Amino acid sequence: MKQYELIREIFNQCSGNQMRDVFVSEIQTDDTDEYVKAFLVGSDVNFTKTITKEGAVIYDLTIDGMRQRLSFTCESS
C-alpha cells in the first residue's frame, strides 16, 4: 500500500465568503479512485480527476451542490 498525505478542502457556499474547511490526514491506499468513491454519495454527483506533473492526484467534487477538493500527495518511502 502507498502512503499519502490527503488534504480535503470543503468550499463555503455563501457568496462573498472565501473561507473553506481544510482537513489534513495521512492515509494508506493502493487506489485513490476507490478511496474517493466513499465520498461520492448524493443524488447529483460530479467529479474531475487531475494528475499534476509532480505526481499529486487531485479530485474536484461537487456533491448535491457542495464543492470539495481532495488532494493526494504520495509520501516518500
C-alpha atoms as a PDB file:
ATOM      1  CA  MET A   1       0.000   0.000   0.000  1.00  0.00           C
ATOM      2  CA  LYS A   2       1.104   3.549  -0.677  1.00  0.00           C
ATOM      3  CA  GLN A   3       1.198   6.241   2.000  1.00  0.00           C
ATOM      4  CA  TYR A   4      -0.440   9.551   1.029  1.00  0.00           C
ATOM      5  CA  GLU A   5      -0.945  12.917   2.605  1.00  0.00           C
ATOM      6  CA  LEU A   6      -4.582  13.802   1.960  1.00  0.00           C
ATOM      7  CA  ILE A   7      -5.803  17.386   2.023  1.00  0.00           C
ATOM      8  CA  ARG A   8      -9.604  17.685   1.961  1.00  0.00           C
ATOM      9  CA  GLU A   9     -10.989  21.162   1.289  1.00  0.00           C
ATOM     10  CA  ILE A  10     -14.688  21.925   1.649  1.00  0.00           C
ATOM     11  CA  PHE A  11     -15.577  25.192  -0.051  1.00  0.00           C
ATOM     12  CA  ASN A  12     -18.015  27.627   1.594  1.00  0.00           C
ATOM     13  CA  GLN A  13     -21.199  28.046  -0.433  1.00  0.00           C
ATOM     14  CA  CYS A  14     -22.028  31.509   0.880  1.00  0.00           C
ATOM     15  CA  SER A  15     -21.440  34.207  -1.724  1.00  0.00           C
ATOM     16  CA  GLY A  16     -18.590  36.554  -0.884  1.00  0.00           C
ATOM     17  CA  ASN A  17     -17.136  34.179   1.724  1.00  0.00           C
ATOM     18  CA  GLN A  18     -13.825  32.668   0.596  1.00  0.00           C
ATOM     19  CA  MET A  19     -13.266  30.617   3.772  1.00  0.00           C
ATOM     20  CA  ARG A  20     -13.043  26.862   3.491  1.00  0.00           C
ATOM     21  CA  ASP A  21     -12.695  23.961   5.873  1.00  0.00           C
ATOM     22  CA  VAL A  22      -9.385  22.149   5.440  1.00  0.00           C
ATOM     23  CA  PHE A  23      -8.574  18.721   6.853  1.00  0.00           C
ATOM     24  CA  VAL A  24      -5.129  17.103   6.580  1.00  0.00           C
ATOM     25  CA  SER A  25      -4.555  13.406   7.230  1.00  0.00           C
ATOM     26  CA  GLU A  26      -2.311  10.517   6.269  1.00  0.00           C
ATOM     27  CA  ILE A  27      -3.898   7.530   4.583  1.00  0.00           C
ATOM     28  CA  GLN A  28      -2.817   4.264   3.012  1.00  0.00           C
ATOM     29  CA  THR A  29      -4.371   3.015  -0.200  1.00  0.00           C
ATOM     30  CA  ASP A  30      -3.411   1.312  -3.429  1.00  0.00           C
ATOM     31  CA  ASP A  31      -6.185   3.045  -5.387  1.00  0.00           C
ATOM     32  CA  THR A  32      -7.133   6.697  -4.864  1.00  0.00           C
ATOM     33  CA  ASP A  33     -10.157   6.254  -7.171  1.00  0.00           C
ATOM     34  CA  GLU A  34     -11.588   3.614  -4.835  1.00  0.00           C
ATOM     35  CA  TYR A  35     -10.865   5.795  -1.803  1.00  0.00           C
ATOM     36  CA  VAL A  36     -12.726   8.747  -3.340  1.00  0.00           C
ATOM     37  CA  LYS A  37     -15.802   6.622  -4.144  1.00  0.00           C
ATOM     38  CA  ALA A  38     -16.711   6.706  -0.433  1.00  0.00           C
ATOM     39  CA  PHE A  39     -17.236  10.487  -0.759  1.00  0.00           C
ATOM     40  CA  LEU A  40     -19.439  10.237  -3.862  1.00  0.00           C
ATOM     41  CA  VAL A  41     -22.771   9.825  -2.089  1.00  0.00           C
ATOM     42  CA  GLY A  42     -25.662  12.003  -3.211  1.00  0.00           C
ATOM     43  CA  SER A  43     -28.296  12.451  -5.878  1.00  0.00           C
ATOM     44  CA  ASP A  44     -26.252  14.884  -8.025  1.00  0.00           C
ATOM     45  CA  VAL A  45     -22.582  13.867  -8.143  1.00  0.00           C
ATOM     46  CA  ASN A  46     -19.858  15.188 -10.464  1.00  0.00           C
ATOM     47  CA  PHE A  47     -16.089  14.959 -10.221  1.00  0.00           C
ATOM     48  CA  THR A  48     -12.915  15.508 -12.179  1.00  0.00           C
ATOM     49  CA  LYS A  49      -9.518  13.948 -11.612  1.00  0.00           C
ATOM     50  CA  THR A  50      -6.239  15.710 -12.361  1.00  0.00           C
ATOM     51  CA  ILE A  51      -2.712  14.356 -12.022  1.00  0.00           C
ATOM     52  CA  THR A  52      -0.107  17.098 -11.726  1.00  0.00           C
ATOM     53  CA  LYS A  53       3.342  16.851 -13.291  1.00  0.00           C
ATOM     54  CA  GLU A  54       4.692  16.465  -9.740  1.00  0.00           C
ATOM     55  CA  GLY A  55       2.515  13.360  -9.285  1.00  0.00           C
ATOM     56  CA  ALA A  56      -0.195  14.718  -6.968  1.00  0.00           C
ATOM     57  CA  VAL A  57      -3.694  13.370  -7.655  1.00  0.00           C
ATOM     58  CA  ILE A  58      -6.456  15.979  -7.270  1.00  0.00           C
ATOM     59  CA  TYR A  59     -10.188  15.296  -7.313  1.00  0.00           C
ATOM     60  CA  ASP A  60     -12.639  18.186  -7.605  1.00  0.00           C
ATOM     61  CA  LEU A  61     -16.032  17.016  -6.373  1.00  0.00           C
ATOM     62  CA  THR A  62     -19.478  18.578  -6.494  1.00  0.00           C
ATOM     63  CA  ILE A  63     -21.990  16.596  -4.474  1.00  0.00           C
ATOM     64  CA  ASP A  64     -25.527  17.973  -4.285  1.00  0.00           C
ATOM     65  CA  GLY A  65     -24.126  21.479  -4.814  1.00  0.00           C
ATOM     66  CA  MET A  66     -21.322  21.216  -2.226  1.00  0.00           C
ATOM     67  CA  ARG A  67     -17.799  21.677  -3.670  1.00  0.00           C
ATOM     68  CA  GLN A  68     -14.863  19.744  -2.264  1.00  0.00           C
ATOM     69  CA  ARG A  69     -11.295  19.078  -3.322  1.00  0.00           C
ATOM     70  CA  LEU A  70      -9.287  16.015  -2.335  1.00  0.00           C
ATOM     71  CA  SER A  71      -5.537  16.272  -2.959  1.00  0.00           C
ATOM     72  CA  PHE A  72      -3.386  13.156  -2.586  1.00  0.00           C
ATOM     73  CA  THR A  73       0.398  13.528  -2.395  1.00  0.00           C
ATOM     74  CA  CYS A  74       2.428  10.326  -2.254  1.00  0.00           C
ATOM     75  CA  GLU A  75       4.862  10.343   0.656  1.00  0.00           C
ATOM     76  CA  SER A  76       8.429   9.193   0.022  1.00  0.00           C
ATOM     77  CA  SER A  77       9.440   5.832   1.393  1.00  0.00           C
END
